[in-house]
Structure formats: C-alpha cells, structure tokens
C-alpha cells in the first residue's frame, strides 16, 4: 500500500488538532454548565430576609393602641399586633420592636 505525502504532512495533524479542540471545548462547556453556573445561581439566589418577614420588623417603631400591665396591642405598617414589654406603656406612645416570638412582638418604649 502506498502512502500519500499529503497524509503525513497536513491532514492527519490537522484532524488531531480539531479533535483535541473539540474535546477541550466539550470538557470546558460541561465544567461551566455543571459547576460554575450552579455556584453562581446559589450565590445570587441565596435566601435573604424578605421585607414581608416578621424578622424585618425588628428595630422599627410601632404605636401603642391598647395596653394593660405588660402586654397589649401595637400597630406597625397599618397592622395590629399583640405585644409584650417589661415596662408599662400607654396608648398613643411609640415603642421599638426588639424581637418576635411567634405572633407576639417584644417591644420597649422609645420615650416619645
């Protein structure tokens, strides 16, 4: 069988380079698709506290509506909430939300 001079000089090495490029491109694509994109998605979509979450109310000011002893009702953002405090509060006074336990807010007087 005779060998053609073009097989040794150009076509075979060119095919090997094309094949090597395709394999490297495929491996790189799979790495990006299965590692980089999921990591980026996790970082961008990680859970943040929702502005609607009750934990976002901590530190905000509420108005006392009703109060008896160490518990009563306060309004914040137009919503009426049950609340407790270590001090006695008076209706119309302002209070700062210190924490949330279930559906009860822990508040303290702002002195206003």
Protein backbone atom coordinates (compact mmCIF):
# COMPACT_ATOMS: atom_id res chain seq x y z
CA UNK A 1 0.00 0.00 0.00
CA UNK A 2 1.34 3.34 -0.98
CA UNK A 3 1.34 6.28 1.39
CA UNK A 4 0.33 9.60 0.10
CA UNK A 5 2.59 12.51 1.05
CA UNK A 6 -0.43 14.66 1.98
CA UNK A 7 -1.40 12.21 4.79
CA UNK A 8 1.83 12.75 6.67
CA UNK A 9 2.22 16.47 6.13
CA UNK A 10 -1.09 18.12 6.78
CA UNK A 11 -4.41 16.33 7.02
CA UNK A 12 -3.78 13.95 9.93
CA UNK A 13 -2.18 16.55 12.25
CA UNK A 14 -4.96 18.99 11.38
CA UNK A 15 -7.65 16.42 12.23
CA UNK A 16 -5.92 15.66 15.53
CA UNK A 17 -5.85 19.37 16.42
CA UNK A 18 -9.52 19.76 15.53
CA UNK A 19 -10.44 16.69 17.60
CA UNK A 20 -8.34 17.92 20.54
CA UNK A 21 -10.01 21.34 20.33
CA UNK A 22 -13.47 19.76 20.32
CA UNK A 23 -12.66 17.58 23.35
CA UNK A 24 -11.22 20.53 25.30
CA UNK A 25 -14.24 22.67 24.35
CA UNK A 26 -16.68 19.96 25.45
CA UNK A 27 -14.92 19.47 28.80
CA UNK A 28 -14.84 23.22 29.37
CA UNK A 29 -18.53 23.58 28.47
CA UNK A 30 -19.53 20.76 30.85
CA UNK A 31 -17.43 22.29 33.66
CA UNK A 32 -19.07 25.67 33.21
CA UNK A 33 -22.55 24.18 32.91
CA UNK A 34 -22.32 21.83 35.91
CA UNK A 35 -20.02 23.75 38.27
CA UNK A 36 -19.81 27.47 37.50
CA UNK A 37 -23.49 28.14 36.68
CA UNK A 38 -24.88 26.28 39.75
CA UNK A 39 -22.43 28.10 42.04
CA UNK A 40 -23.34 31.46 40.55
CA UNK A 41 -27.05 30.64 40.86
CA UNK A 42 -26.64 29.69 44.54
CA UNK A 43 -24.76 32.89 45.32
CA UNK A 44 -27.26 35.12 43.53
CA UNK A 45 -30.41 33.38 44.78
CA UNK A 46 -29.41 32.63 48.39
CA UNK A 47 -32.14 33.21 50.90
CA UNK A 48 -32.44 36.76 52.10
CA UNK A 49 -34.82 38.09 54.72
CA UNK A 50 -37.98 39.11 52.96
CA UNK A 51 -39.32 42.59 53.64
CA UNK A 52 -42.59 40.80 54.50
CA UNK A 53 -40.89 38.56 57.07
CA UNK A 54 -41.64 39.38 60.71
CA UNK A 55 -37.89 39.43 61.48
CA UNK A 56 -37.61 42.50 59.27
CA UNK A 57 -39.76 44.42 61.79
CA UNK A 58 -37.07 44.30 64.50
CA UNK A 59 -35.82 47.82 65.17
CA UNK A 60 -38.86 49.54 63.65
CA UNK A 61 -41.17 51.84 65.53
CA UNK A 62 -44.75 50.88 66.43
CA UNK A 63 -47.60 52.83 68.02
CA UNK A 64 -49.25 51.51 71.18
CA UNK A 65 -53.03 51.14 70.75
CA UNK A 66 -54.08 49.28 73.93
CA UNK A 67 -52.03 48.33 76.97
CA UNK A 68 -52.66 46.50 80.27
CA UNK A 69 -49.79 45.58 82.58
CA UNK A 70 -47.00 44.12 80.46
CA UNK A 71 -48.99 43.25 77.33
CA UNK A 72 -51.20 44.96 74.80
CA UNK A 73 -51.62 45.78 71.13
CA UNK A 74 -49.47 47.89 68.81
CA UNK A 75 -49.77 48.90 65.17
CA UNK A 76 -46.98 48.76 62.64
CA UNK A 77 -47.40 49.32 58.90
CA UNK A 78 -51.17 49.54 59.46
CA UNK A 79 -51.35 46.07 61.09
CA UNK A 80 -52.46 45.39 64.65
CA UNK A 81 -50.11 43.07 66.61
CA UNK A 82 -50.09 41.60 70.12
CA UNK A 83 -47.09 42.81 72.07
CA UNK A 84 -45.32 42.41 75.40
CA UNK A 85 -42.94 44.69 77.24
CA UNK A 86 -41.02 44.69 80.51
CA UNK A 87 -42.29 48.21 81.19
CA UNK A 88 -45.77 49.68 81.25
CA UNK A 89 -46.68 51.51 78.04
CA UNK A 90 -49.52 53.94 77.40
CA UNK A 91 -51.85 54.16 74.38
CA UNK A 92 -50.52 56.59 71.79
CA UNK A 93 -46.90 56.10 72.88
CA UNK A 94 -44.20 54.93 70.48
CA UNK A 95 -42.34 51.64 71.00
CA UNK A 96 -39.41 49.96 69.28
CA UNK A 97 -39.71 46.30 68.31
CA UNK A 98 -36.93 44.27 69.98
CA UNK A 99 -37.92 40.81 68.82
CA UNK A 100 -40.64 38.45 67.66
CA UNK A 101 -41.90 35.28 69.37
CA UNK A 102 -44.48 33.58 67.20
CA UNK A 103 -47.14 36.22 66.62
CA UNK A 104 -46.23 38.36 69.64
CA UNK A 105 -43.84 41.30 69.36
CA UNK A 106 -41.43 42.20 72.16
CA UNK A 107 -41.28 45.98 72.41
CA UNK A 108 -39.69 48.68 74.54
CA UNK A 109 -40.61 52.31 74.98
CA UNK A 110 -38.87 54.92 72.85
CA UNK A 111 -39.56 57.61 75.43
CA UNK A 112 -41.54 59.70 72.89
